[in-house]
N, C-alpha and C. Protein backbone atom coordinates (compact mmCIF):
# COMPACT_ATOMS: atom_id res chain seq x y z
N MET A 1 91.90 66.58 88.97
CA MET A 1 92.83 67.66 89.25
C MET A 1 93.44 67.45 90.63
N LYS A 2 94.75 67.66 90.73
CA LYS A 2 95.45 67.49 91.99
C LYS A 2 95.06 68.59 92.97
N GLN A 3 95.15 68.27 94.24
CA GLN A 3 94.95 69.28 95.27
C GLN A 3 96.13 70.24 95.26
N ASN A 4 95.87 71.48 95.52
CA ASN A 4 96.92 72.49 95.50
C ASN A 4 97.21 73.00 96.90
N GLU A 5 97.07 72.14 97.90
CA GLU A 5 97.25 72.55 99.29
C GLU A 5 98.67 72.95 99.62
N SER A 6 99.65 72.45 98.88
CA SER A 6 101.04 72.76 99.17
C SER A 6 101.51 74.05 98.50
N ILE A 7 100.64 74.70 97.77
CA ILE A 7 100.99 75.93 97.07
C ILE A 7 100.71 77.13 97.97
N THR A 8 101.69 78.04 98.05
CA THR A 8 101.48 79.28 98.78
C THR A 8 101.45 80.43 97.77
N TYR A 9 100.69 81.44 98.09
CA TYR A 9 100.57 82.62 97.23
C TYR A 9 101.07 83.83 97.99
N GLN A 10 101.80 84.68 97.30
CA GLN A 10 102.40 85.85 97.92
C GLN A 10 102.26 87.03 96.95
N THR A 11 101.84 88.17 97.48
CA THR A 11 101.72 89.38 96.68
C THR A 11 102.82 90.35 97.08
N LEU A 12 103.57 90.81 96.09
CA LEU A 12 104.67 91.74 96.32
C LEU A 12 104.32 93.10 95.73
N THR A 13 104.53 94.15 96.51
CA THR A 13 104.31 95.52 96.05
C THR A 13 105.48 96.37 96.53
N ALA A 14 105.43 97.66 96.27
CA ALA A 14 106.47 98.57 96.74
C ALA A 14 106.59 98.52 98.27
N ILE A 15 105.50 98.29 98.94
CA ILE A 15 105.50 98.23 100.41
C ILE A 15 106.41 97.12 100.92
N ASN A 16 106.50 96.02 100.16
CA ASN A 16 107.35 94.90 100.56
C ASN A 16 108.84 95.16 100.37
N GLN A 17 109.19 96.27 99.75
CA GLN A 17 110.59 96.58 99.45
C GLN A 17 111.27 95.39 98.77
N VAL A 18 110.74 95.04 97.62
CA VAL A 18 111.22 93.89 96.85
C VAL A 18 112.67 94.12 96.45
N THR A 19 113.52 93.18 96.76
CA THR A 19 114.95 93.32 96.47
C THR A 19 115.24 93.02 95.00
N GLN A 20 116.39 93.48 94.55
CA GLN A 20 116.83 93.18 93.18
C GLN A 20 117.01 91.68 93.00
N THR A 21 117.45 91.00 94.04
CA THR A 21 117.62 89.54 93.97
C THR A 21 116.28 88.86 93.72
N GLU A 22 115.24 89.30 94.42
CA GLU A 22 113.90 88.72 94.23
C GLU A 22 113.37 89.06 92.84
N LYS A 23 113.59 90.28 92.38
CA LYS A 23 113.16 90.65 91.03
C LYS A 23 113.87 89.79 89.99
N GLN A 24 115.16 89.56 90.18
CA GLN A 24 115.91 88.70 89.26
C GLN A 24 115.33 87.29 89.24
N ARG A 25 114.98 86.79 90.41
CA ARG A 25 114.40 85.44 90.53
C ARG A 25 113.09 85.35 89.76
N VAL A 26 112.23 86.34 89.93
CA VAL A 26 110.94 86.37 89.23
C VAL A 26 111.17 86.54 87.73
N ALA A 27 112.07 87.45 87.35
CA ALA A 27 112.34 87.71 85.93
C ALA A 27 112.85 86.45 85.23
N LYS A 28 113.74 85.73 85.86
CA LYS A 28 114.28 84.50 85.25
C LYS A 28 113.17 83.46 85.09
N PHE A 29 112.27 83.37 86.08
CA PHE A 29 111.14 82.45 85.96
C PHE A 29 110.27 82.83 84.76
N LEU A 30 109.90 84.11 84.68
CA LEU A 30 109.04 84.56 83.58
C LEU A 30 109.72 84.38 82.24
N PHE A 31 110.99 84.73 82.15
CA PHE A 31 111.71 84.59 80.89
C PHE A 31 111.68 83.14 80.40
N LYS A 32 111.82 82.22 81.31
CA LYS A 32 111.84 80.80 80.94
C LYS A 32 110.44 80.27 80.60
N HIS A 33 109.42 80.67 81.35
CA HIS A 33 108.12 80.02 81.25
C HIS A 33 107.06 80.80 80.46
N LEU A 34 107.40 81.97 79.94
CA LEU A 34 106.46 82.68 79.07
C LEU A 34 106.47 82.10 77.66
N ASP A 35 107.42 81.25 77.40
CA ASP A 35 107.54 80.60 76.09
C ASP A 35 107.62 81.65 74.98
N GLN A 36 106.93 81.41 73.88
CA GLN A 36 107.00 82.32 72.72
C GLN A 36 106.29 83.64 72.96
N TYR A 37 105.60 83.78 74.09
CA TYR A 37 104.85 85.00 74.37
C TYR A 37 105.64 85.97 75.26
N GLY A 38 106.92 85.69 75.48
CA GLY A 38 107.71 86.47 76.42
C GLY A 38 108.48 87.61 75.79
N ASP A 39 109.21 88.30 76.65
CA ASP A 39 110.04 89.44 76.28
C ASP A 39 111.48 89.15 76.72
N THR A 40 112.34 90.11 76.45
CA THR A 40 113.73 89.97 76.89
C THR A 40 113.79 90.06 78.41
N LEU A 41 114.84 89.53 78.97
CA LEU A 41 115.04 89.60 80.43
C LEU A 41 115.11 91.06 80.88
N ALA A 42 115.76 91.90 80.11
CA ALA A 42 115.86 93.33 80.45
C ALA A 42 114.48 93.99 80.49
N ASP A 43 113.62 93.69 79.53
CA ASP A 43 112.28 94.27 79.52
C ASP A 43 111.43 93.75 80.67
N ILE A 44 111.57 92.48 81.00
CA ILE A 44 110.83 91.92 82.14
C ILE A 44 111.26 92.62 83.42
N LEU A 45 112.56 92.85 83.58
CA LEU A 45 113.05 93.54 84.78
C LEU A 45 112.52 94.98 84.85
N LYS A 46 112.41 95.68 83.72
CA LYS A 46 111.82 97.03 83.70
C LYS A 46 110.38 96.98 84.21
N CYS A 47 109.65 95.98 83.76
CA CYS A 47 108.25 95.83 84.17
C CYS A 47 108.15 95.58 85.67
N LEU A 48 109.04 94.74 86.20
CA LEU A 48 109.04 94.45 87.64
C LEU A 48 109.40 95.70 88.44
N ASP A 49 110.36 96.48 87.95
CA ASP A 49 110.71 97.74 88.61
C ASP A 49 109.51 98.67 88.66
N TYR A 50 108.78 98.75 87.56
CA TYR A 50 107.59 99.60 87.49
C TYR A 50 106.53 99.11 88.50
N ALA A 51 106.30 97.80 88.53
CA ALA A 51 105.28 97.23 89.42
C ALA A 51 105.60 97.47 90.89
N CYS A 52 106.86 97.54 91.23
CA CYS A 52 107.27 97.71 92.63
C CYS A 52 107.75 99.13 92.93
N SER A 53 107.38 100.08 92.10
CA SER A 53 107.83 101.46 92.23
C SER A 53 107.00 102.22 93.26
N TYR A 54 107.64 103.17 93.93
CA TYR A 54 106.97 104.07 94.87
C TYR A 54 106.40 105.31 94.21
N PHE A 55 106.79 105.60 92.97
CA PHE A 55 106.34 106.82 92.31
C PHE A 55 104.82 106.79 92.12
N ASN A 56 104.19 107.97 92.29
CA ASN A 56 102.73 108.05 92.20
C ASN A 56 102.19 107.60 90.85
N HIS A 57 102.90 107.85 89.78
CA HIS A 57 102.40 107.51 88.45
C HIS A 57 102.75 106.06 88.07
N GLN A 58 103.38 105.34 88.95
CA GLN A 58 103.74 103.95 88.68
C GLN A 58 103.22 103.08 89.80
N GLY A 59 103.42 101.79 89.66
CA GLY A 59 103.03 100.86 90.70
C GLY A 59 102.37 99.63 90.11
N GLY A 60 101.90 98.81 91.00
CA GLY A 60 101.27 97.57 90.61
C GLY A 60 101.64 96.49 91.60
N PHE A 61 101.72 95.27 91.14
CA PHE A 61 102.08 94.18 92.04
C PHE A 61 102.56 92.97 91.27
N ILE A 62 103.23 92.10 92.01
CA ILE A 62 103.67 90.79 91.53
C ILE A 62 102.97 89.78 92.42
N LEU A 63 102.34 88.81 91.81
CA LEU A 63 101.68 87.73 92.56
C LEU A 63 102.39 86.44 92.22
N LEU A 64 102.88 85.75 93.25
CA LEU A 64 103.62 84.52 93.04
C LEU A 64 102.88 83.32 93.60
N ALA A 65 102.98 82.20 92.91
CA ALA A 65 102.57 80.89 93.43
C ALA A 65 103.86 80.11 93.63
N GLU A 66 104.04 79.60 94.83
CA GLU A 66 105.26 78.86 95.13
C GLU A 66 104.94 77.52 95.76
N GLU A 67 105.80 76.57 95.47
CA GLU A 67 105.68 75.24 96.07
C GLU A 67 107.09 74.78 96.43
N LYS A 68 107.28 74.41 97.67
CA LYS A 68 108.59 73.97 98.16
C LYS A 68 109.67 75.02 97.89
N GLY A 69 109.31 76.29 98.06
CA GLY A 69 110.27 77.37 97.90
C GLY A 69 110.59 77.75 96.47
N GLU A 70 109.96 77.11 95.50
CA GLU A 70 110.21 77.40 94.09
C GLU A 70 109.00 78.10 93.47
N ILE A 71 109.25 79.09 92.62
CA ILE A 71 108.16 79.75 91.90
C ILE A 71 107.59 78.76 90.89
N ILE A 72 106.27 78.59 90.91
CA ILE A 72 105.62 77.74 89.91
C ILE A 72 104.60 78.54 89.09
N GLY A 73 104.38 79.79 89.48
CA GLY A 73 103.49 80.65 88.72
C GLY A 73 103.68 82.09 89.14
N ALA A 74 103.44 83.01 88.21
CA ALA A 74 103.61 84.43 88.51
C ALA A 74 102.71 85.29 87.64
N VAL A 75 102.24 86.37 88.22
CA VAL A 75 101.49 87.41 87.52
C VAL A 75 102.16 88.74 87.82
N VAL A 76 102.26 89.60 86.82
CA VAL A 76 102.75 90.96 87.03
C VAL A 76 101.70 91.92 86.49
N MET A 77 101.24 92.80 87.37
CA MET A 77 100.22 93.79 87.02
C MET A 77 100.82 95.18 87.21
N ASN A 78 100.70 96.03 86.21
CA ASN A 78 101.15 97.42 86.31
C ASN A 78 99.93 98.34 86.35
N GLN A 79 100.01 99.36 87.20
CA GLN A 79 98.97 100.38 87.22
C GLN A 79 99.22 101.35 86.07
N THR A 80 98.14 101.76 85.41
CA THR A 80 98.30 102.66 84.27
C THR A 80 98.24 104.13 84.67
N GLY A 81 97.56 104.43 85.76
CA GLY A 81 97.38 105.82 86.16
C GLY A 81 96.46 106.58 85.23
N MET A 82 95.61 105.87 84.49
CA MET A 82 94.75 106.51 83.49
C MET A 82 93.28 106.17 83.71
N GLU A 83 92.85 106.21 84.94
CA GLU A 83 91.48 105.86 85.30
C GLU A 83 90.46 106.60 84.45
N GLY A 84 89.48 105.86 83.98
CA GLY A 84 88.38 106.45 83.23
C GLY A 84 88.47 106.21 81.74
N TYR A 85 89.59 106.54 81.14
CA TYR A 85 89.69 106.39 79.69
C TYR A 85 90.54 105.19 79.28
N ILE A 86 91.31 104.65 80.18
CA ILE A 86 92.07 103.41 79.99
C ILE A 86 91.89 102.62 81.29
N PRO A 87 91.76 101.30 81.24
CA PRO A 87 91.66 100.56 82.51
C PRO A 87 92.82 100.89 83.45
N GLU A 88 92.54 100.89 84.73
CA GLU A 88 93.50 101.28 85.75
C GLU A 88 94.72 100.37 85.83
N ASN A 89 94.59 99.15 85.33
CA ASN A 89 95.66 98.17 85.42
C ASN A 89 95.86 97.47 84.09
N ILE A 90 97.09 97.03 83.87
CA ILE A 90 97.36 96.18 82.72
C ILE A 90 98.09 94.95 83.22
N LEU A 91 97.53 93.80 82.88
CA LEU A 91 98.18 92.55 83.22
C LEU A 91 99.28 92.35 82.17
N VAL A 92 100.51 92.45 82.61
CA VAL A 92 101.63 92.40 81.67
C VAL A 92 102.10 90.97 81.46
N TYR A 93 102.24 90.21 82.54
CA TYR A 93 102.74 88.84 82.44
C TYR A 93 101.96 87.89 83.33
N ILE A 94 101.75 86.70 82.80
CA ILE A 94 101.29 85.57 83.61
C ILE A 94 101.96 84.33 83.02
N ALA A 95 102.51 83.52 83.90
CA ALA A 95 103.16 82.29 83.46
C ALA A 95 103.02 81.24 84.56
N VAL A 96 102.89 80.00 84.12
CA VAL A 96 102.89 78.85 85.02
C VAL A 96 103.98 77.91 84.53
N HIS A 97 104.74 77.38 85.46
CA HIS A 97 105.81 76.43 85.16
C HIS A 97 105.24 75.29 84.32
N LYS A 98 105.96 74.91 83.29
CA LYS A 98 105.49 73.86 82.37
C LYS A 98 105.04 72.60 83.08
N GLU A 99 105.78 72.19 84.11
CA GLU A 99 105.47 70.94 84.81
C GLU A 99 104.26 71.04 85.74
N HIS A 100 103.74 72.26 85.93
CA HIS A 100 102.61 72.45 86.84
C HIS A 100 101.34 72.93 86.14
N ARG A 101 101.37 72.99 84.82
CA ARG A 101 100.19 73.41 84.08
C ARG A 101 99.11 72.34 84.18
N GLY A 102 97.86 72.77 84.12
CA GLY A 102 96.74 71.85 84.21
C GLY A 102 96.28 71.58 85.63
N ARG A 103 96.87 72.25 86.61
CA ARG A 103 96.51 72.08 88.01
C ARG A 103 95.58 73.19 88.52
N GLY A 104 95.23 74.13 87.66
CA GLY A 104 94.37 75.24 88.07
C GLY A 104 95.13 76.42 88.65
N ILE A 105 96.45 76.39 88.54
CA ILE A 105 97.27 77.45 89.12
C ILE A 105 97.08 78.76 88.37
N GLY A 106 97.01 78.71 87.05
CA GLY A 106 96.79 79.92 86.26
C GLY A 106 95.46 80.57 86.60
N LYS A 107 94.43 79.76 86.72
CA LYS A 107 93.11 80.29 87.07
C LYS A 107 93.13 80.91 88.47
N GLU A 108 93.79 80.24 89.41
CA GLU A 108 93.87 80.78 90.78
C GLU A 108 94.66 82.08 90.80
N LEU A 109 95.76 82.14 90.07
CA LEU A 109 96.54 83.37 89.99
C LEU A 109 95.69 84.51 89.42
N MET A 110 94.97 84.23 88.34
CA MET A 110 94.13 85.26 87.73
C MET A 110 93.03 85.72 88.68
N THR A 111 92.38 84.77 89.35
CA THR A 111 91.31 85.11 90.28
C THR A 111 91.84 86.01 91.40
N ARG A 112 92.99 85.65 91.95
CA ARG A 112 93.59 86.46 93.02
C ARG A 112 94.02 87.83 92.49
N ALA A 113 94.58 87.88 91.29
CA ALA A 113 95.02 89.15 90.72
C ALA A 113 93.83 90.08 90.48
N ILE A 114 92.74 89.53 89.98
CA ILE A 114 91.53 90.33 89.75
C ILE A 114 91.01 90.90 91.07
N LYS A 115 91.01 90.09 92.11
CA LYS A 115 90.54 90.57 93.43
C LYS A 115 91.47 91.63 94.00
N PHE A 116 92.77 91.49 93.82
CA PHE A 116 93.73 92.41 94.42
C PHE A 116 93.79 93.74 93.68
N ALA A 117 93.63 93.72 92.38
CA ALA A 117 93.74 94.94 91.57
C ALA A 117 92.61 95.90 91.90
N LYS A 118 92.94 97.17 91.94
CA LYS A 118 91.93 98.20 92.16
C LYS A 118 91.54 98.75 90.79
N GLY A 119 90.30 98.53 90.38
CA GLY A 119 89.83 99.04 89.10
C GLY A 119 89.89 98.02 87.99
N GLY A 120 89.65 98.49 86.78
CA GLY A 120 89.61 97.63 85.60
C GLY A 120 90.98 97.10 85.22
N ILE A 121 90.96 96.06 84.41
CA ILE A 121 92.19 95.40 83.97
C ILE A 121 92.13 95.20 82.47
N ALA A 122 93.21 95.54 81.80
CA ALA A 122 93.38 95.24 80.38
C ALA A 122 94.52 94.24 80.26
N LEU A 123 94.49 93.47 79.20
CA LEU A 123 95.61 92.58 78.91
C LEU A 123 95.68 92.39 77.41
N HIS A 124 96.85 92.02 76.96
CA HIS A 124 97.04 91.71 75.54
C HIS A 124 97.28 90.22 75.45
N VAL A 125 96.64 89.58 74.50
CA VAL A 125 96.82 88.14 74.31
C VAL A 125 96.86 87.86 72.81
N GLU A 126 97.79 87.02 72.42
CA GLU A 126 97.87 86.61 71.03
C GLU A 126 96.67 85.73 70.69
N PRO A 127 96.13 85.82 69.48
CA PRO A 127 94.95 85.03 69.13
C PRO A 127 95.15 83.52 69.28
N ASP A 128 96.37 83.04 69.11
CA ASP A 128 96.62 81.60 69.21
C ASP A 128 97.03 81.14 70.60
N ASN A 129 97.06 82.06 71.57
CA ASN A 129 97.45 81.70 72.94
C ASN A 129 96.30 80.97 73.62
N PRO A 130 96.51 79.72 74.08
CA PRO A 130 95.43 78.98 74.72
C PRO A 130 94.91 79.63 76.00
N ALA A 131 95.69 80.52 76.62
CA ALA A 131 95.24 81.22 77.82
C ALA A 131 94.07 82.15 77.53
N ARG A 132 93.89 82.50 76.27
CA ARG A 132 92.78 83.38 75.88
C ARG A 132 91.44 82.85 76.38
N PHE A 133 91.26 81.54 76.35
CA PHE A 133 89.99 80.94 76.78
C PHE A 133 89.78 81.09 78.28
N LEU A 134 90.85 81.01 79.06
CA LEU A 134 90.75 81.26 80.51
C LEU A 134 90.33 82.69 80.75
N TYR A 135 90.95 83.64 80.06
CA TYR A 135 90.59 85.05 80.24
C TYR A 135 89.12 85.29 79.92
N GLU A 136 88.64 84.68 78.86
CA GLU A 136 87.23 84.84 78.50
C GLU A 136 86.32 84.25 79.58
N LYS A 137 86.68 83.10 80.13
CA LYS A 137 85.89 82.50 81.21
C LYS A 137 85.85 83.39 82.45
N LEU A 138 86.91 84.17 82.65
CA LEU A 138 86.99 85.05 83.81
C LEU A 138 86.36 86.42 83.55
N GLY A 139 85.72 86.61 82.40
CA GLY A 139 84.98 87.83 82.12
C GLY A 139 85.66 88.84 81.22
N PHE A 140 86.85 88.54 80.72
CA PHE A 140 87.52 89.45 79.81
C PHE A 140 86.88 89.33 78.43
N SER A 141 86.80 90.44 77.72
CA SER A 141 86.27 90.41 76.36
C SER A 141 87.17 91.27 75.48
N SER A 142 87.07 91.06 74.20
CA SER A 142 87.87 91.81 73.24
C SER A 142 87.05 92.98 72.76
N LYS A 143 87.45 94.17 73.17
CA LYS A 143 86.72 95.38 72.81
C LYS A 143 87.33 96.06 71.58
N TYR A 144 88.65 95.93 71.43
CA TYR A 144 89.36 96.63 70.37
C TYR A 144 90.30 95.69 69.65
N ILE A 145 90.69 96.12 68.47
CA ILE A 145 91.82 95.51 67.78
C ILE A 145 92.99 96.45 68.06
N GLU A 146 94.03 95.93 68.65
CA GLU A 146 95.19 96.77 68.94
C GLU A 146 96.06 96.89 67.71
N MET A 147 96.47 98.12 67.45
CA MET A 147 97.38 98.38 66.35
C MET A 147 98.61 99.06 66.93
N ARG A 148 99.78 98.68 66.43
CA ARG A 148 101.02 99.27 66.93
C ARG A 148 101.90 99.69 65.77
N ARG A 149 102.64 100.74 66.00
CA ARG A 149 103.68 101.16 65.07
C ARG A 149 104.94 101.30 65.90
N THR A 150 105.96 100.59 65.56
CA THR A 150 107.21 100.66 66.30
C THR A 150 108.24 101.44 65.53
N LYS A 151 109.09 102.13 66.24
CA LYS A 151 110.15 102.92 65.61
C LYS A 151 111.45 102.15 65.67
């Protein structure tokens, strides 16, 4: 495994006053590198707005891995505001640039996100997503089968 000494990590929250330009930059990265597990650019931007919101019932953070000024990995965590009956946080997005996978960046992002988050964390993962094994190694388990009905 290559050394990751040239990678810098940055956590963005409402306190950082994240600009729309920075949100666009992160959203475009996620849209491109989430592959088949992604959402529309508009939905990703909504999630970033929520993560960087000042409202008491919203919030969270964006964690970036950058190398030479370029995003090579990102995590977006939203606070649920439902302590006790739902985990306090939901990991909405994690992506690593295709050319940088296999360097341990995803594991480092997850480790840092777990440390930074206050309270429990839930995430949704498709059964065929290879990242599922990383989540299990980091202590996540499948407690429920999620069912959805969309209108």
